[in-house]
């Protein structure tokens, strides 16, 4: 089983703020939306869909460097 880690990517001169969701199987970039507080969860779900995993997020937490980690269940 793999965990999904998400990392905030700040805005640049050409791109807005984003969140990168990644694990050993792959990664995805999610455009950061300011409309709600669940942007890290949205990024993790986007990666689940991209990988075709039929899993649900069982829990999440913040690690020391400020990234969020999501654990999965069937």
PDB file of N, CA and C in Angstrom:
ATOM      1  N   UNK A   1       0.847  -1.184   0.000  1.00  0.00           N
ATOM      2  CA  UNK A   1       0.000   0.000   0.000  1.00  0.00           C
ATOM      3  C   UNK A   1       0.885   1.238   0.000  1.00  0.00           C
ATOM      4  N   UNK A   2       0.450   2.220  -0.710  1.00  0.00           N
ATOM      5  CA  UNK A   2       1.185   3.473  -0.796  1.00  0.00           C
ATOM      6  C   UNK A   2       0.377   4.597  -0.157  1.00  0.00           C
ATOM      7  N   UNK A   3       1.082   5.570   0.334  1.00  0.00           N
ATOM      8  CA  UNK A   3       0.457   6.794   0.823  1.00  0.00           C
ATOM      9  C   UNK A   3       0.631   7.863  -0.244  1.00  0.00           C
ATOM     10  N   UNK A   4      -0.258   8.828  -0.263  1.00  0.00           N
ATOM     11  CA  UNK A   4      -0.157   9.958  -1.188  1.00  0.00           C
ATOM     12  C   UNK A   4       0.308  11.169  -0.402  1.00  0.00           C
ATOM     13  N   UNK A   5       1.326  11.817  -0.898  1.00  0.00           N
ATOM     14  CA  UNK A   5       1.849  13.033  -0.272  1.00  0.00           C
ATOM     15  C   UNK A   5       1.493  14.218  -1.151  1.00  0.00           C
ATOM     16  N   UNK A   6       1.127  15.340  -0.530  1.00  0.00           N
ATOM     17  CA  UNK A   6       0.799  16.549  -1.287  1.00  0.00           C
ATOM     18  C   UNK A   6       1.689  17.695  -0.825  1.00  0.00           C
ATOM     19  N   UNK A   7       2.091  18.518  -1.784  1.00  0.00           N
ATOM     20  CA  UNK A   7       3.015  19.614  -1.517  1.00  0.00           C
ATOM     21  C   UNK A   7       2.504  20.885  -2.203  1.00  0.00           C
ATOM     22  N   UNK A   8       2.520  21.993  -1.483  1.00  0.00           N
ATOM     23  CA  UNK A   8       2.111  23.279  -2.040  1.00  0.00           C
ATOM     24  C   UNK A   8       3.230  23.833  -2.913  1.00  0.00           C
ATOM     25  N   UNK A   9       2.872  24.286  -4.114  1.00  0.00           N
ATOM     26  CA  UNK A   9       3.811  24.935  -5.028  1.00  0.00           C
ATOM     27  C   UNK A   9       3.353  26.373  -5.207  1.00  0.00           C
ATOM     28  N   UNK A  10       4.152  27.292  -4.766  1.00  0.00           N
ATOM     29  CA  UNK A  10       3.788  28.705  -4.833  1.00  0.00           C
ATOM     30  C   UNK A  10       3.688  29.227  -6.258  1.00  0.00           C
ATOM     31  N   UNK A  11       3.035  30.354  -6.398  1.00  0.00           N
ATOM     32  CA  UNK A  11       2.861  30.986  -7.708  1.00  0.00           C
ATOM     33  C   UNK A  11       4.200  31.473  -8.257  1.00  0.00           C
ATOM     34  N   UNK A  12       4.300  31.455  -9.587  1.00  0.00           N
ATOM     35  CA  UNK A  12       5.478  31.983 -10.279  1.00  0.00           C
ATOM     36  C   UNK A  12       5.027  33.137 -11.165  1.00  0.00           C
ATOM     37  N   UNK A  13       5.923  33.639 -11.989  1.00  0.00           N
ATOM     38  CA  UNK A  13       5.556  34.714 -12.913  1.00  0.00           C
ATOM     39  C   UNK A  13       4.584  34.247 -13.986  1.00  0.00           C
ATOM     40  N   UNK A  14       4.578  32.941 -14.277  1.00  0.00           N
ATOM     41  CA  UNK A  14       3.739  32.432 -15.364  1.00  0.00           C
ATOM     42  C   UNK A  14       2.641  31.478 -14.919  1.00  0.00           C
ATOM     43  N   UNK A  15       2.698  30.958 -13.690  1.00  0.00           N
ATOM     44  CA  UNK A  15       1.717  29.989 -13.211  1.00  0.00           C
ATOM     45  C   UNK A  15       1.205  30.398 -11.844  1.00  0.00           C
ATOM     46  N   UNK A  16      -0.061  30.085 -11.601  1.00  0.00           N
ATOM     47  CA  UNK A  16      -0.641  30.339 -10.288  1.00  0.00           C
ATOM     48  C   UNK A  16      -0.212  29.288  -9.281  1.00  0.00           C
ATOM     49  N   UNK A  17      -0.681  29.420  -8.052  1.00  0.00           N
ATOM     50  CA  UNK A  17      -0.373  28.446  -7.008  1.00  0.00           C
ATOM     51  C   UNK A  17      -0.951  27.090  -7.390  1.00  0.00           C
ATOM     52  N   UNK A  18      -0.233  26.039  -7.033  1.00  0.00           N
ATOM     53  CA  UNK A  18      -0.637  24.675  -7.365  1.00  0.00           C
ATOM     54  C   UNK A  18      -0.334  23.753  -6.196  1.00  0.00           C
ATOM     55  N   UNK A  19      -0.869  22.544  -6.270  1.00  0.00           N
ATOM     56  CA  UNK A  19      -0.552  21.494  -5.318  1.00  0.00           C
ATOM     57  C   UNK A  19      -0.130  20.277  -6.122  1.00  0.00           C
ATOM     58  N   UNK A  20       0.996  19.693  -5.740  1.00  0.00           N
ATOM     59  CA  UNK A  20       1.460  18.462  -6.376  1.00  0.00           C
ATOM     60  C   UNK A  20       1.115  17.303  -5.458  1.00  0.00           C
ATOM     61  N   UNK A  21       0.402  16.318  -5.988  1.00  0.00           N
ATOM     62  CA  UNK A  21       0.118  15.075  -5.280  1.00  0.00           C
ATOM     63  C   UNK A  21       0.992  14.001  -5.900  1.00  0.00           C
ATOM     64  N   UNK A  22       1.687  13.227  -5.060  1.00  0.00           N
ATOM     65  CA  UNK A  22       2.605  12.235  -5.609  1.00  0.00           C
ATOM     66  C   UNK A  22       2.740  11.020  -4.706  1.00  0.00           C
ATOM     67  N   UNK A  23       3.129   9.919  -5.329  1.00  0.00           N
ATOM     68  CA  UNK A  23       3.452   8.671  -4.646  1.00  0.00           C
ATOM     69  C   UNK A  23       4.411   7.929  -5.569  1.00  0.00           C
ATOM     70  N   UNK A  24       4.813   6.730  -5.206  1.00  0.00           N
ATOM     71  CA  UNK A  24       5.765   5.979  -6.019  1.00  0.00           C
ATOM     72  C   UNK A  24       5.192   5.638  -7.402  1.00  0.00           C
ATOM     73  N   UNK A  25       3.874   5.541  -7.517  1.00  0.00           N
ATOM     74  CA  UNK A  25       3.242   5.156  -8.779  1.00  0.00           C
ATOM     75  C   UNK A  25       3.051   6.310  -9.754  1.00  0.00           C
ATOM     76  N   UNK A  26       3.161   7.559  -9.310  1.00  0.00           N
ATOM     77  CA  UNK A  26       2.979   8.683 -10.211  1.00  0.00           C
ATOM     78  C   UNK A  26       2.673   9.971  -9.471  1.00  0.00           C
ATOM     79  N   UNK A  27       2.352  11.001 -10.257  1.00  0.00           N
ATOM     80  CA  UNK A  27       2.061  12.310  -9.669  1.00  0.00           C
ATOM     81  C   UNK A  27       1.091  13.077 -10.553  1.00  0.00           C
ATOM     82  N   UNK A  28       0.533  14.136  -9.982  1.00  0.00           N
ATOM     83  CA  UNK A  28      -0.389  15.010 -10.698  1.00  0.00           C
ATOM     84  C   UNK A  28      -0.274  16.402 -10.084  1.00  0.00           C
ATOM     85  N   UNK A  29      -0.506  17.417 -10.908  1.00  0.00           N
ATOM     86  CA  UNK A  29      -0.518  18.804 -10.446  1.00  0.00           C
ATOM     87  C   UNK A  29      -1.971  19.281 -10.442  1.00  0.00           C
ATOM     88  N   UNK A  30      -2.379  19.887  -9.333  1.00  0.00           N
ATOM     89  CA  UNK A  30      -3.743  20.390  -9.164  1.00  0.00           C
ATOM     90  C   UNK A  30      -3.668  21.903  -8.987  1.00  0.00           C
ATOM     91  N   UNK A  31      -4.412  22.646  -9.812  1.00  0.00           N
ATOM     92  CA  UNK A  31      -4.447  24.104  -9.664  1.00  0.00           C
ATOM     93  C   UNK A  31      -5.098  24.451  -8.324  1.00  0.00           C
ATOM     94  N   UNK A  32      -4.452  25.307  -7.567  1.00  0.00           N
ATOM     95  CA  UNK A  32      -4.947  25.679  -6.246  1.00  0.00           C
ATOM     96  C   UNK A  32      -6.139  26.604  -6.393  1.00  0.00           C
ATOM     97  N   UNK A  33      -7.238  26.223  -5.762  1.00  0.00           N
ATOM     98  CA  UNK A  33      -8.440  27.046  -5.767  1.00  0.00           C
ATOM     99  C   UNK A  33      -8.657  27.615  -4.381  1.00  0.00           C
ATOM    100  N   UNK A  34      -9.024  28.854  -4.312  1.00  0.00           N
ATOM    101  CA  UNK A  34      -9.191  29.508  -3.012  1.00  0.00           C
ATOM    102  C   UNK A  34     -10.626  29.413  -2.495  1.00  0.00           C
ATOM    103  N   UNK A  35     -11.490  28.675  -3.204  1.00  0.00           N
ATOM    104  CA  UNK A  35     -12.899  28.644  -2.829  1.00  0.00           C
ATOM    105  C   UNK A  35     -13.199  27.755  -1.626  1.00  0.00           C
ATOM    106  N   UNK A  36     -12.360  26.780  -1.325  1.00  0.00           N
ATOM    107  CA  UNK A  36     -12.594  25.960  -0.131  1.00  0.00           C
ATOM    108  C   UNK A  36     -11.273  25.512   0.482  1.00  0.00           C
ATOM    109  N   UNK A  37     -11.367  24.859   1.611  1.00  0.00           N
ATOM    110  CA  UNK A  37     -10.175  24.494   2.381  1.00  0.00           C
ATOM    111  C   UNK A  37      -9.662  23.087   2.076  1.00  0.00           C
ATOM    112  N   UNK A  38     -10.285  22.377   1.172  1.00  0.00           N
ATOM    113  CA  UNK A  38      -9.971  20.966   0.920  1.00  0.00           C
ATOM    114  C   UNK A  38      -9.071  20.760  -0.297  1.00  0.00           C
ATOM    115  N   UNK A  39      -8.277  21.728  -0.662  1.00  0.00           N
ATOM    116  CA  UNK A  39      -7.503  21.645  -1.894  1.00  0.00           C
ATOM    117  C   UNK A  39      -6.501  20.485  -1.892  1.00  0.00           C
ATOM    118  N   UNK A  40      -5.904  20.178  -0.739  1.00  0.00           N
ATOM    119  CA  UNK A  40      -4.964  19.057  -0.663  1.00  0.00           C
ATOM    120  C   UNK A  40      -5.695  17.734  -0.880  1.00  0.00           C
ATOM    121  N   UNK A  41      -6.892  17.625  -0.329  1.00  0.00           N
ATOM    122  CA  UNK A  41      -7.706  16.424  -0.526  1.00  0.00           C
ATOM    123  C   UNK A  41      -8.118  16.295  -1.982  1.00  0.00           C
ATOM    124  N   UNK A  42      -8.499  17.398  -2.621  1.00  0.00           N
ATOM    125  CA  UNK A  42      -8.873  17.378  -4.037  1.00  0.00           C
ATOM    126  C   UNK A  42      -7.703  16.884  -4.891  1.00  0.00           C
ATOM    127  N   UNK A  43      -6.500  17.321  -4.561  1.00  0.00           N
ATOM    128  CA  UNK A  43      -5.315  16.891  -5.308  1.00  0.00           C
ATOM    129  C   UNK A  43      -5.078  15.395  -5.131  1.00  0.00           C
ATOM    130  N   UNK A  44      -5.239  14.889  -3.907  1.00  0.00           N
ATOM    131  CA  UNK A  44      -5.057  13.456  -3.655  1.00  0.00           C
ATOM    132  C   UNK A  44      -6.095  12.631  -4.410  1.00  0.00           C
ATOM    133  N   UNK A  45      -7.339  13.082  -4.423  1.00  0.00           N
ATOM    134  CA  UNK A  45      -8.401  12.381  -5.156  1.00  0.00           C
ATOM    135  C   UNK A  45      -8.128  12.404  -6.653  1.00  0.00           C
ATOM    136  N   UNK A  46      -7.632  13.513  -7.156  1.00  0.00           N
ATOM    137  CA  UNK A  46      -7.289  13.623  -8.581  1.00  0.00           C
ATOM    138  C   UNK A  46      -6.222  12.584  -8.943  1.00  0.00           C
ATOM    139  N   UNK A  47      -5.241  12.370  -8.061  1.00  0.00           N
ATOM    140  CA  UNK A  47      -4.215  11.358  -8.316  1.00  0.00           C
ATOM    141  C   UNK A  47      -4.809   9.960  -8.261  1.00  0.00           C
ATOM    142  N   UNK A  48      -5.692   9.699  -7.314  1.00  0.00           N
ATOM    143  CA  UNK A  48      -6.356   8.393  -7.252  1.00  0.00           C
ATOM    144  C   UNK A  48      -7.072   8.085  -8.565  1.00  0.00           C
ATOM    145  N   UNK A  49      -7.794   9.065  -9.089  1.00  0.00           N
ATOM    146  CA  UNK A  49      -8.520   8.871 -10.346  1.00  0.00           C
ATOM    147  C   UNK A  49      -7.563   8.657 -11.513  1.00  0.00           C
ATOM    148  N   UNK A  50      -6.479   9.429 -11.556  1.00  0.00           N
ATOM    149  CA  UNK A  50      -5.503   9.287 -12.641  1.00  0.00           C
ATOM    150  C   UNK A  50      -4.892   7.887 -12.658  1.00  0.00           C
ATOM    151  N   UNK A  51      -4.603   7.354 -11.479  1.00  0.00           N
ATOM    152  CA  UNK A  51      -3.985   6.036 -11.376  1.00  0.00           C
ATOM    153  C   UNK A  51      -4.996   4.901 -11.508  1.00  0.00           C
ATOM    154  N   UNK A  52      -6.282   5.226 -11.467  1.00  0.00           N
ATOM    155  CA  UNK A  52      -7.317   4.206 -11.590  1.00  0.00           C
ATOM    156  C   UNK A  52      -7.463   3.341 -10.349  1.00  0.00           C
ATOM    157  N   UNK A  53      -7.074   3.883  -9.202  1.00  0.00           N
ATOM    158  CA  UNK A  53      -7.175   3.133  -7.950  1.00  0.00           C
ATOM    159  C   UNK A  53      -8.575   3.262  -7.382  1.00  0.00           C
ATOM    160  N   UNK A  54      -9.176   2.146  -7.032  1.00  0.00           N
ATOM    161  CA  UNK A  54     -10.498   2.134  -6.421  1.00  0.00           C
ATOM    162  C   UNK A  54     -10.329   2.118  -4.903  1.00  0.00           C
ATOM    163  N   UNK A  55      -9.813   3.185  -4.350  1.00  0.00           N
ATOM    164  CA  UNK A  55      -9.524   3.312  -2.921  1.00  0.00           C
ATOM    165  C   UNK A  55     -10.206   4.565  -2.377  1.00  0.00           C
ATOM    166  N   UNK A  56     -10.333   4.613  -1.084  1.00  0.00           N
ATOM    167  CA  UNK A  56     -10.860   5.795  -0.404  1.00  0.00           C
ATOM    168  C   UNK A  56      -9.803   6.320   0.557  1.00  0.00           C
ATOM    169  N   UNK A  57      -9.871   7.590   0.855  1.00  0.00           N
ATOM    170  CA  UNK A  57      -8.950   8.189   1.811  1.00  0.00           C
ATOM    171  C   UNK A  57      -9.443   7.842   3.217  1.00  0.00           C
ATOM    172  N   UNK A  58      -8.589   7.148   3.978  1.00  0.00           N
ATOM    173  CA  UNK A  58      -8.951   6.719   5.326  1.00  0.00           C
ATOM    174  C   UNK A  58      -8.544   7.757   6.376  1.00  0.00           C
ATOM    175  N   UNK A  59      -7.559   8.558   6.065  1.00  0.00           N
ATOM    176  CA  UNK A  59      -7.100   9.563   7.010  1.00  0.00           C
ATOM    177  C   UNK A  59      -5.988  10.390   6.411  1.00  0.00           C
ATOM    178  N   UNK A  60      -5.651  11.474   7.091  1.00  0.00           N
ATOM    179  CA  UNK A  60      -4.574  12.332   6.614  1.00  0.00           C
ATOM    180  C   UNK A  60      -3.940  13.055   7.793  1.00  0.00           C
ATOM    181  N   UNK A  61      -2.773  13.587   7.536  1.00  0.00           N
ATOM    182  CA  UNK A  61      -2.076  14.343   8.563  1.00  0.00           C
ATOM    183  C   UNK A  61      -0.993  15.196   7.938  1.00  0.00           C
ATOM    184  N   UNK A  62      -0.492  16.124   8.718  1.00  0.00           N
ATOM    185  CA  UNK A  62       0.557  17.028   8.269  1.00  0.00           C
ATOM    186  C   UNK A  62       1.890  16.525   8.806  1.00  0.00           C
ATOM    187  N   UNK A  63       2.893  16.448   7.941  1.00  0.00           N
ATOM    188  CA  UNK A  63       4.210  16.018   8.379  1.00  0.00           C
ATOM    189  C   UNK A  63       5.087  17.240   8.658  1.00  0.00           C
ATOM    190  N   UNK A  64       6.263  16.991   9.176  1.00  0.00           N
ATOM    191  CA  UNK A  64       7.123  18.051   9.710  1.00  0.00           C
ATOM    192  C   UNK A  64       7.430  19.170   8.710  1.00  0.00           C
ATOM    193  N   UNK A  65       7.591  18.844   7.435  1.00  0.00           N
ATOM    194  CA  UNK A  65       7.947  19.864   6.444  1.00  0.00           C
ATOM    195  C   UNK A  65       6.743  20.651   5.927  1.00  0.00           C
ATOM    196  N   UNK A  66       5.537  20.361   6.431  1.00  0.00           N
ATOM    197  CA  UNK A  66       4.340  21.093   6.024  1.00  0.00           C
ATOM    198  C   UNK A  66       3.519  20.405   4.953  1.00  0.00           C
ATOM    199  N   UNK A  67       4.027  19.335   4.383  1.00  0.00           N
ATOM    200  CA  UNK A  67       3.259  18.565   3.403  1.00  0.00           C
ATOM    201  C   UNK A  67       2.177  17.765   4.123  1.00  0.00           C
ATOM    202  N   UNK A  68       1.130  17.397   3.384  1.00  0.00           N
ATOM    203  CA  UNK A  68       0.089  16.524   3.918  1.00  0.00           C
ATOM    204  C   UNK A  68       0.265  15.135   3.330  1.00  0.00           C
ATOM    205  N   UNK A  69      -0.045  14.119   4.132  1.00  0.00           N
ATOM    206  CA  UNK A  69       0.038  12.732   3.699  1.00  0.00           C
ATOM    207  C   UNK A  69      -1.334  12.101   3.895  1.00  0.00           C
ATOM    208  N   UNK A  70      -1.793  11.364   2.892  1.00  0.00           N
ATOM    209  CA  UNK A  70      -3.087  10.700   2.926  1.00  0.00           C
ATOM    210  C   UNK A  70      -2.876   9.203   2.892  1.00  0.00           C
ATOM    211  N   UNK A  71      -3.560   8.488   3.801  1.00  0.00           N
ATOM    212  CA  UNK A  71      -3.512   7.034   3.781  1.00  0.00           C
ATOM    213  C   UNK A  71      -4.805   6.527   3.165  1.00  0.00           C
ATOM    214  N   UNK A  72      -4.722   5.370   2.547  1.00  0.00           N
ATOM    215  CA  UNK A  72      -5.824   4.847   1.752  1.00  0.00           C
ATOM    216  C   UNK A  72      -6.368   3.552   2.346  1.00  0.00           C
ATOM    217  N   UNK A  73      -7.637   3.258   2.047  1.00  0.00           N
ATOM    218  CA  UNK A  73      -8.260   1.991   2.437  1.00  0.00           C
ATOM    219  C   UNK A  73      -9.110   1.517   1.276  1.00  0.00           C
ATOM    220  N   UNK A  74      -9.531   0.276   1.369  1.00  0.00           N
ATOM    221  CA  UNK A  74     -10.405  -0.286   0.333  1.00  0.00           C
ATOM    222  C   UNK A  74     -11.774   0.249   0.559  1.00  0.00           C
TER     223      UNK A  74
END
